[in-house]
Amino acid sequence: MNNLKGYFFFISAIILVVFYANGCTEEEPELTTSNRILADSILRTEIRFVIEEVDSLCQLTYQSTFDKAVDSISEVRLKEIEKYIPTR
């Protein structure tokens, strides 16, 4: 009788693992042609706003970023010059 309970528990555990493993995967819904067209038109409309927003952020930060880059490059070049031309 004890052997039968162990066998039943083993089979139940295997079945539970199989159902659990199969239950974790999600099926991707397939879009119909009309849904794809709708999604594409929404994307095209919204991407314009995203591009405008990113462009405006770039315009706001361009000058300060450019100035920092120029200062950094200037410092590196001055250090290279000082390395070859000793100062007093």
PDB file of N, CA and C in Angstrom:
ATOM      1  N   MET A   1       0.821  -1.190   0.000  1.00  0.00           N
ATOM      2  CA  MET A   1       0.000   0.000   0.000  1.00  0.00           C
ATOM      3  C   MET A   1       0.869   1.260   0.000  1.00  0.00           C
ATOM      4  N   ASN A   2       1.969   1.226   0.760  1.00  0.00           N
ATOM      5  CA  ASN A   2       2.883   2.354   0.826  1.00  0.00           C
ATOM      6  C   ASN A   2       3.549   2.584  -0.529  1.00  0.00           C
ATOM      7  N   ASN A   3       3.850   1.489  -1.234  1.00  0.00           N
ATOM      8  CA  ASN A   3       4.458   1.578  -2.551  1.00  0.00           C
ATOM      9  C   ASN A   3       3.492   2.212  -3.552  1.00  0.00           C
ATOM     10  N   LEU A   4       2.204   1.950  -3.408  1.00  0.00           N
ATOM     11  CA  LEU A   4       1.182   2.509  -4.286  1.00  0.00           C
ATOM     12  C   LEU A   4       1.057   4.020  -4.070  1.00  0.00           C
ATOM     13  N   LYS A   5       1.149   4.470  -2.833  1.00  0.00           N
ATOM     14  CA  LYS A   5       1.098   5.910  -2.541  1.00  0.00           C
ATOM     15  C   LYS A   5       2.304   6.626  -3.142  1.00  0.00           C
ATOM     16  N   GLY A   6       3.472   6.021  -3.036  1.00  0.00           N
ATOM     17  CA  GLY A   6       4.681   6.617  -3.614  1.00  0.00           C
ATOM     18  C   GLY A   6       4.570   6.708  -5.124  1.00  0.00           C
ATOM     19  N   TYR A   7       4.067   5.653  -5.740  1.00  0.00           N
ATOM     20  CA  TYR A   7       3.886   5.637  -7.188  1.00  0.00           C
ATOM     21  C   TYR A   7       2.888   6.722  -7.610  1.00  0.00           C
ATOM     22  N   PHE A   8       1.772   6.823  -6.884  1.00  0.00           N
ATOM     23  CA  PHE A   8       0.756   7.838  -7.178  1.00  0.00           C
ATOM     24  C   PHE A   8       1.348   9.238  -7.013  1.00  0.00           C
ATOM     25  N   PHE A   9       2.122   9.454  -5.957  1.00  0.00           N
ATOM     26  CA  PHE A   9       2.742  10.761  -5.723  1.00  0.00           C
ATOM     27  C   PHE A   9       3.722  11.100  -6.848  1.00  0.00           C
ATOM     28  N   PHE A  10       4.517  10.127  -7.285  1.00  0.00           N
ATOM     29  CA  PHE A  10       5.483  10.337  -8.354  1.00  0.00           C
ATOM     30  C   PHE A  10       4.785  10.714  -9.655  1.00  0.00           C
ATOM     31  N   ILE A  11       3.746   9.976 -10.022  1.00  0.00           N
ATOM     32  CA  ILE A  11       2.996  10.265 -11.250  1.00  0.00           C
ATOM     33  C   ILE A  11       2.332  11.635 -11.146  1.00  0.00           C
ATOM     34  N   SER A  12       1.765  11.963  -9.999  1.00  0.00           N
ATOM     35  CA  SER A  12       1.116  13.264  -9.798  1.00  0.00           C
ATOM     36  C   SER A  12       2.132  14.396  -9.922  1.00  0.00           C
ATOM     37  N   ALA A  13       3.318  14.181  -9.374  1.00  0.00           N
ATOM     38  CA  ALA A  13       4.351  15.211  -9.445  1.00  0.00           C
ATOM     39  C   ALA A  13       4.788  15.441 -10.890  1.00  0.00           C
ATOM     40  N   ILE A  14       4.949  14.361 -11.651  1.00  0.00           N
ATOM     41  CA  ILE A  14       5.338  14.483 -13.062  1.00  0.00           C
ATOM     42  C   ILE A  14       4.271  15.237 -13.838  1.00  0.00           C
ATOM     43  N   ILE A  15       3.025  14.887 -13.641  1.00  0.00           N
ATOM     44  CA  ILE A  15       1.920  15.561 -14.345  1.00  0.00           C
ATOM     45  C   ILE A  15       1.877  17.032 -13.961  1.00  0.00           C
ATOM     46  N   LEU A  16       2.061  17.330 -12.686  1.00  0.00           N
ATOM     47  CA  LEU A  16       2.048  18.710 -12.213  1.00  0.00           C
ATOM     48  C   LEU A  16       3.181  19.519 -12.842  1.00  0.00           C
ATOM     49  N   VAL A  17       4.358  18.940 -12.930  1.00  0.00           N
ATOM     50  CA  VAL A  17       5.501  19.631 -13.542  1.00  0.00           C
ATOM     51  C   VAL A  17       5.248  19.887 -15.024  1.00  0.00           C
ATOM     52  N   VAL A  18       4.691  18.919 -15.717  1.00  0.00           N
ATOM     53  CA  VAL A  18       4.409  19.085 -17.142  1.00  0.00           C
ATOM     54  C   VAL A  18       3.394  20.198 -17.362  1.00  0.00           C
ATOM     55  N   PHE A  19       2.302  20.200 -16.585  1.00  0.00           N
ATOM     56  CA  PHE A  19       1.296  21.247 -16.735  1.00  0.00           C
ATOM     57  C   PHE A  19       1.846  22.609 -16.338  1.00  0.00           C
ATOM     58  N   TYR A  20       2.663  22.650 -15.309  1.00  0.00           N
ATOM     59  CA  TYR A  20       3.245  23.909 -14.859  1.00  0.00           C
ATOM     60  C   TYR A  20       4.190  24.464 -15.918  1.00  0.00           C
ATOM     61  N   ALA A  21       5.012  23.620 -16.499  1.00  0.00           N
ATOM     62  CA  ALA A  21       5.959  24.064 -17.525  1.00  0.00           C
ATOM     63  C   ALA A  21       5.223  24.566 -18.764  1.00  0.00           C
ATOM     64  N   ASN A  22       4.175  23.898 -19.160  1.00  0.00           N
ATOM     65  CA  ASN A  22       3.407  24.332 -20.325  1.00  0.00           C
ATOM     66  C   ASN A  22       2.577  25.573 -20.027  1.00  0.00           C
ATOM     67  N   GLY A  23       2.198  25.751 -18.790  1.00  0.00           N
ATOM     68  CA  GLY A  23       1.375  26.900 -18.419  1.00  0.00           C
ATOM     69  C   GLY A  23       2.165  28.189 -18.341  1.00  0.00           C
ATOM     70  N   CYS A  24       3.483  28.118 -18.250  1.00  0.00           N
ATOM     71  CA  CYS A  24       4.312  29.314 -18.113  1.00  0.00           C
ATOM     72  C   CYS A  24       4.546  30.021 -19.435  1.00  0.00           C
ATOM     73  N   THR A  25       4.351  29.346 -20.520  1.00  0.00           N
ATOM     74  CA  THR A  25       4.589  29.974 -21.808  1.00  0.00           C
ATOM     75  C   THR A  25       3.324  30.672 -22.271  1.00  0.00           C
ATOM     76  N   GLU A  26       3.522  31.874 -22.788  1.00  0.00           N
ATOM     77  CA  GLU A  26       2.391  32.631 -23.307  1.00  0.00           C
ATOM     78  C   GLU A  26       2.403  32.555 -24.823  1.00  0.00           C
ATOM     79  N   GLU A  27       1.261  32.352 -25.367  1.00  0.00           N
ATOM     80  CA  GLU A  27       1.163  32.353 -26.815  1.00  0.00           C
ATOM     81  C   GLU A  27       1.056  33.789 -27.287  1.00  0.00           C
ATOM     82  N   GLU A  28       1.813  34.098 -28.320  1.00  0.00           N
ATOM     83  CA  GLU A  28       1.755  35.441 -28.868  1.00  0.00           C
ATOM     84  C   GLU A  28       0.529  35.556 -29.762  1.00  0.00           C
ATOM     85  N   PRO A  29      -0.257  36.587 -29.530  1.00  0.00           N
ATOM     86  CA  PRO A  29      -1.448  36.738 -30.382  1.00  0.00           C
ATOM     87  C   PRO A  29      -1.029  37.149 -31.787  1.00  0.00           C
ATOM     88  N   GLU A  30      -1.681  36.570 -32.756  1.00  0.00           N
ATOM     89  CA  GLU A  30      -1.406  36.937 -34.138  1.00  0.00           C
ATOM     90  C   GLU A  30      -2.319  38.093 -34.518  1.00  0.00           C
ATOM     91  N   LEU A  31      -1.718  39.113 -35.097  1.00  0.00           N
ATOM     92  CA  LEU A  31      -2.487  40.281 -35.478  1.00  0.00           C
ATOM     93  C   LEU A  31      -3.093  40.080 -36.859  1.00  0.00           C
ATOM     94  N   THR A  32      -4.301  40.528 -36.977  1.00  0.00           N
ATOM     95  CA  THR A  32      -4.943  40.498 -38.289  1.00  0.00           C
ATOM     96  C   THR A  32      -4.389  41.648 -39.124  1.00  0.00           C
ATOM     97  N   THR A  33      -4.682  41.636 -40.374  1.00  0.00           N
ATOM     98  CA  THR A  33      -4.189  42.687 -41.265  1.00  0.00           C
ATOM     99  C   THR A  33      -4.688  44.051 -40.828  1.00  0.00           C
ATOM    100  N   SER A  34      -5.950  44.128 -40.445  1.00  0.00           N
ATOM    101  CA  SER A  34      -6.493  45.425 -40.023  1.00  0.00           C
ATOM    102  C   SER A  34      -5.834  45.901 -38.725  1.00  0.00           C
ATOM    103  N   ASN A  35      -5.521  44.961 -37.815  1.00  0.00           N
ATOM    104  CA  ASN A  35      -4.834  45.351 -36.579  1.00  0.00           C
ATOM    105  C   ASN A  35      -3.408  45.810 -36.868  1.00  0.00           C
ATOM    106  N   ARG A  36      -2.744  45.176 -37.814  1.00  0.00           N
ATOM    107  CA  ARG A  36      -1.385  45.594 -38.176  1.00  0.00           C
ATOM    108  C   ARG A  36      -1.397  46.988 -38.796  1.00  0.00           C
ATOM    109  N   ILE A  37      -2.362  47.252 -39.632  1.00  0.00           N
ATOM    110  CA  ILE A  37      -2.479  48.575 -40.260  1.00  0.00           C
ATOM    111  C   ILE A  37      -2.751  49.625 -39.185  1.00  0.00           C
ATOM    112  N   LEU A  38      -3.639  49.311 -38.248  1.00  0.00           N
ATOM    113  CA  LEU A  38      -3.947  50.238 -37.159  1.00  0.00           C
ATOM    114  C   LEU A  38      -2.712  50.497 -36.297  1.00  0.00           C
ATOM    115  N   ALA A  39      -1.993  49.440 -35.938  1.00  0.00           N
ATOM    116  CA  ALA A  39      -0.783  49.603 -35.126  1.00  0.00           C
ATOM    117  C   ALA A  39       0.259  50.428 -35.867  1.00  0.00           C
ATOM    118  N   ASP A  40       0.400  50.203 -37.156  1.00  0.00           N
ATOM    119  CA  ASP A  40       1.363  50.955 -37.951  1.00  0.00           C
ATOM    120  C   ASP A  40       1.000  52.432 -38.004  1.00  0.00           C
ATOM    121  N   SER A  41      -0.277  52.732 -38.183  1.00  0.00           N
ATOM    122  CA  SER A  41      -0.690  54.140 -38.251  1.00  0.00           C
ATOM    123  C   SER A  41      -0.528  54.822 -36.898  1.00  0.00           C
ATOM    124  N   ILE A  42      -0.798  54.119 -35.808  1.00  0.00           N
ATOM    125  CA  ILE A  42      -0.584  54.687 -34.469  1.00  0.00           C
ATOM    126  C   ILE A  42       0.903  54.952 -34.250  1.00  0.00           C
ATOM    127  N   LEU A  43       1.738  54.005 -34.643  1.00  0.00           N
ATOM    128  CA  LEU A  43       3.181  54.177 -34.497  1.00  0.00           C
ATOM    129  C   LEU A  43       3.676  55.366 -35.296  1.00  0.00           C
ATOM    130  N   ARG A  44       3.219  55.502 -36.528  1.00  0.00           N
ATOM    131  CA  ARG A  44       3.646  56.627 -37.359  1.00  0.00           C
ATOM    132  C   ARG A  44       3.227  57.963 -36.756  1.00  0.00           C
ATOM    133  N   THR A  45       2.037  58.013 -36.174  1.00  0.00           N
ATOM    134  CA  THR A  45       1.561  59.248 -35.559  1.00  0.00           C
ATOM    135  C   THR A  45       2.370  59.579 -34.309  1.00  0.00           C
ATOM    136  N   GLU A  46       2.581  58.598 -33.455  1.00  0.00           N
ATOM    137  CA  GLU A  46       3.264  58.836 -32.182  1.00  0.00           C
ATOM    138  C   GLU A  46       4.763  59.048 -32.357  1.00  0.00           C
ATOM    139  N   ILE A  47       5.359  58.450 -33.357  1.00  0.00           N
ATOM    140  CA  ILE A  47       6.804  58.583 -33.546  1.00  0.00           C
ATOM    141  C   ILE A  47       7.165  60.017 -33.884  1.00  0.00           C
ATOM    142  N   ARG A  48       6.283  60.723 -34.536  1.00  0.00           N
ATOM    143  CA  ARG A  48       6.533  62.138 -34.844  1.00  0.00           C
ATOM    144  C   ARG A  48       6.697  62.949 -33.563  1.00  0.00           C
ATOM    145  N   PHE A  49       5.830  62.688 -32.576  1.00  0.00           N
ATOM    146  CA  PHE A  49       5.921  63.414 -31.308  1.00  0.00           C
ATOM    147  C   PHE A  49       7.204  63.065 -30.558  1.00  0.00           C
ATOM    148  N   VAL A  50       7.586  61.808 -30.624  1.00  0.00           N
ATOM    149  CA  VAL A  50       8.823  61.382 -29.955  1.00  0.00           C
ATOM    150  C   VAL A  50      10.024  62.049 -30.610  1.00  0.00           C
ATOM    151  N   ILE A  51      10.054  62.090 -31.925  1.00  0.00           N
ATOM    152  CA  ILE A  51      11.163  62.721 -32.640  1.00  0.00           C
ATOM    153  C   ILE A  51      11.235  64.205 -32.318  1.00  0.00           C
ATOM    154  N   GLU A  52      10.089  64.882 -32.282  1.00  0.00           N
ATOM    155  CA  GLU A  52      10.070  66.307 -31.940  1.00  0.00           C
ATOM    156  C   GLU A  52      10.588  66.537 -30.525  1.00  0.00           C
ATOM    157  N   GLU A  53      10.193  65.678 -29.607  1.00  0.00           N
ATOM    158  CA  GLU A  53      10.631  65.814 -28.211  1.00  0.00           C
ATOM    159  C   GLU A  53      12.134  65.604 -28.089  1.00  0.00           C
ATOM    160  N   VAL A  54      12.654  64.593 -28.732  1.00  0.00           N
ATOM    161  CA  VAL A  54      14.091  64.306 -28.674  1.00  0.00           C
ATOM    162  C   VAL A  54      14.876  65.430 -29.341  1.00  0.00           C
ATOM    163  N   ASP A  55      14.392  65.929 -30.463  1.00  0.00           N
ATOM    164  CA  ASP A  55      15.076  67.031 -31.132  1.00  0.00           C
ATOM    165  C   ASP A  55      15.124  68.275 -30.260  1.00  0.00           C
ATOM    166  N   SER A  56      14.028  68.570 -29.568  1.00  0.00           N
ATOM    167  CA  SER A  56      14.017  69.756 -28.706  1.00  0.00           C
ATOM    168  C   SER A  56      14.969  69.573 -27.518  1.00  0.00           C
ATOM    169  N   LEU A  57      15.049  68.359 -26.983  1.00  0.00           N
ATOM    170  CA  LEU A  57      15.997  68.106 -25.897  1.00  0.00           C
ATOM    171  C   LEU A  57      17.437  68.240 -26.387  1.00  0.00           C
ATOM    172  N   CYS A  58      17.696  67.782 -27.598  1.00  0.00           N
ATOM    173  CA  CYS A  58      19.038  67.919 -28.170  1.00  0.00           C
ATOM    174  C   CYS A  58      19.398  69.393 -28.357  1.00  0.00           C
ATOM    175  N   GLN A  59      18.448  70.189 -28.814  1.00  0.00           N
ATOM    176  CA  GLN A  59      18.702  71.617 -29.003  1.00  0.00           C
ATOM    177  C   GLN A  59      18.986  72.310 -27.674  1.00  0.00           C
ATOM    178  N   LEU A  60      18.293  71.883 -26.625  1.00  0.00           N
ATOM    179  CA  LEU A  60      18.501  72.493 -25.311  1.00  0.00           C
ATOM    180  C   LEU A  60      19.881  72.184 -24.743  1.00  0.00           C
ATOM    181  N   THR A  61      20.376  70.988 -24.977  1.00  0.00           N
ATOM    182  CA  THR A  61      21.642  70.575 -24.362  1.00  0.00           C
ATOM    183  C   THR A  61      22.833  70.652 -25.302  1.00  0.00           C
ATOM    184  N   TYR A  62      22.620  70.989 -26.560  1.00  0.00           N
ATOM    185  CA  TYR A  62      23.708  70.952 -27.539  1.00  0.00           C
ATOM    186  C   TYR A  62      24.851  71.889 -27.164  1.00  0.00           C
ATOM    187  N   GLN A  63      24.529  73.143 -26.896  1.00  0.00           N
ATOM    188  CA  GLN A  63      25.589  74.133 -26.684  1.00  0.00           C
ATOM    189  C   GLN A  63      26.434  73.805 -25.457  1.00  0.00           C
ATOM    190  N   SER A  64      25.795  73.421 -24.353  1.00  0.00           N
ATOM    191  CA  SER A  64      26.577  73.106 -23.151  1.00  0.00           C
ATOM    192  C   SER A  64      27.426  71.851 -23.362  1.00  0.00           C
ATOM    193  N   THR A  65      26.888  70.878 -24.055  1.00  0.00           N
ATOM    194  CA  THR A  65      27.651  69.662 -24.333  1.00  0.00           C
ATOM    195  C   THR A  65      28.814  69.965 -25.272  1.00  0.00           C
ATOM    196  N   PHE A  66      28.571  70.788 -26.263  1.00  0.00           N
ATOM    197  CA  PHE A  66      29.618  71.173 -27.206  1.00  0.00           C
ATOM    198  C   PHE A  66      30.730  71.934 -26.488  1.00  0.00           C
ATOM    199  N   ASP A  67      30.353  72.881 -25.625  1.00  0.00           N
ATOM    200  CA  ASP A  67      31.346  73.655 -24.884  1.00  0.00           C
ATOM    201  C   ASP A  67      32.204  72.764 -23.989  1.00  0.00           C
ATOM    202  N   LYS A  68      31.575  71.793 -23.321  1.00  0.00           N
ATOM    203  CA  LYS A  68      32.328  70.879 -22.461  1.00  0.00           C
ATOM    204  C   LYS A  68      33.299  70.039 -23.285  1.00  0.00           C
ATOM    205  N   ALA A  69      32.855  69.597 -24.444  1.00  0.00           N
ATOM    206  CA  ALA A  69      33.726  68.783 -25.306  1.00  0.00           C
ATOM    207  C   ALA A  69      34.916  69.592 -25.797  1.00  0.00           C
ATOM    208  N   VAL A  70      34.678  70.840 -26.196  1.00  0.00           N
ATOM    209  CA  VAL A  70      35.760  71.693 -26.677  1.00  0.00           C
ATOM    210  C   VAL A  70      36.751  71.963 -25.544  1.00  0.00           C
ATOM    211  N   ASP A  71      36.245  72.261 -24.347  1.00  0.00           N
ATOM    212  CA  ASP A  71      37.130  72.490 -23.202  1.00  0.00           C
ATOM    213  C   ASP A  71      37.965  71.255 -22.892  1.00  0.00           C
ATOM    214  N   SER A  72      37.349  70.104 -22.950  1.00  0.00           N
ATOM    215  CA  SER A  72      38.056  68.861 -22.667  1.00  0.00           C
ATOM    216  C   SER A  72      39.151  68.601 -23.692  1.00  0.00           C
ATOM    217  N   ILE A  73      38.836  68.797 -24.949  1.00  0.00           N
ATOM    218  CA  ILE A  73      39.827  68.603 -26.017  1.00  0.00           C
ATOM    219  C   ILE A  73      40.958  69.616 -25.868  1.00  0.00           C
ATOM    220  N   SER A  74      40.616  70.853 -25.542  1.00  0.00           N
ATOM    221  CA  SER A  74      41.638  71.886 -25.357  1.00  0.00           C
ATOM    222  C   SER A  74      42.583  71.530 -24.222  1.00  0.00           C
ATOM    223  N   GLU A  75      42.037  71.024 -23.120  1.00  0.00           N
ATOM    224  CA  GLU A  75      42.879  70.628 -21.986  1.00  0.00           C
ATOM    225  C   GLU A  75      43.841  69.512 -22.375  1.00  0.00           C
ATOM    226  N   VAL A  76      43.347  68.528 -23.105  1.00  0.00           N
ATOM    227  CA  VAL A  76      44.192  67.415 -23.526  1.00  0.00           C
ATOM    228  C   VAL A  76      45.314  67.927 -24.436  1.00  0.00           C
ATOM    229  N   ARG A  77      44.985  68.790 -25.366  1.00  0.00           N
ATOM    230  CA  ARG A  77      45.992  69.313 -26.294  1.00  0.00           C
ATOM    231  C   ARG A  77      47.024  70.155 -25.543  1.00  0.00           C
ATOM    232  N   LEU A  78      46.585  70.977 -24.592  1.00  0.00           N
ATOM    233  CA  LEU A  78      47.526  71.780 -23.821  1.00  0.00           C
ATOM    234  C   LEU A  78      48.479  70.896 -23.009  1.00  0.00           C
ATOM    235  N   LYS A  79      47.974  69.821 -22.444  1.00  0.00           N
ATOM    236  CA  LYS A  79      48.826  68.900 -21.689  1.00  0.00           C
ATOM    237  C   LYS A  79      49.844  68.237 -22.610  1.00  0.00           C
ATOM    238  N   GLU A  80      49.435  67.912 -23.820  1.00  0.00           N
ATOM    239  CA  GLU A  80      50.373  67.325 -24.777  1.00  0.00           C
ATOM    240  C   GLU A  80      51.461  68.327 -25.156  1.00  0.00           C
ATOM    241  N   ILE A  81      51.084  69.579 -25.356  1.00  0.00           N
ATOM    242  CA  ILE A  81      52.055  70.621 -25.700  1.00  0.00           C
ATOM    243  C   ILE A  81      53.025  70.837 -24.536  1.00  0.00           C
ATOM    244  N   GLU A  82      52.489  70.901 -23.316  1.00  0.00           N
ATOM    245  CA  GLU A  82      53.340  71.096 -22.141  1.00  0.00           C
ATOM    246  C   GLU A  82      54.283  69.922 -21.924  1.00  0.00           C
ATOM    247  N   LYS A  83      53.886  68.776 -22.349  1.00  0.00           N
ATOM    248  CA  LYS A  83      54.726  67.597 -22.218  1.00  0.00           C
ATOM    249  C   LYS A  83      55.978  67.700 -23.085  1.00  0.00           C
ATOM    250  N   TYR A  84      55.821  68.269 -24.275  1.00  0.00           N
ATOM    251  CA  TYR A  84      56.942  68.387 -25.199  1.00  0.00           C
ATOM    252  C   TYR A  84      57.694  69.708 -25.065  1.00  0.00           C
ATOM    253  N   ILE A  85      57.012  70.741 -24.594  1.00  0.00           N
ATOM    254  CA  ILE A  85      57.648  72.052 -24.402  1.00  0.00           C
ATOM    255  C   ILE A  85      57.601  72.365 -22.905  1.00  0.00           C
ATOM    256  N   PRO A  86      58.689  72.182 -22.227  1.00  0.00           N
ATOM    257  CA  PRO A  86      58.679  72.436 -20.784  1.00  0.00           C
ATOM    258  C   PRO A  86      58.456  73.912 -20.482  1.00  0.00           C
ATOM    259  N   THR A  87      57.632  74.172 -19.532  1.00  0.00           N
ATOM    260  CA  THR A  87      57.382  75.553 -19.096  1.00  0.00           C
ATOM    261  C   THR A  87      58.206  75.834 -17.862  1.00  0.00           C
ATOM    262  N   ARG A  88      58.421  77.087 -17.589  1.00  0.00           N
ATOM    263  CA  ARG A  88      59.269  77.471 -16.452  1.00  0.00           C
ATOM    264  C   ARG A  88      58.554  77.405 -15.171  1.00  0.00           C
TER     265      ARG A  88
END
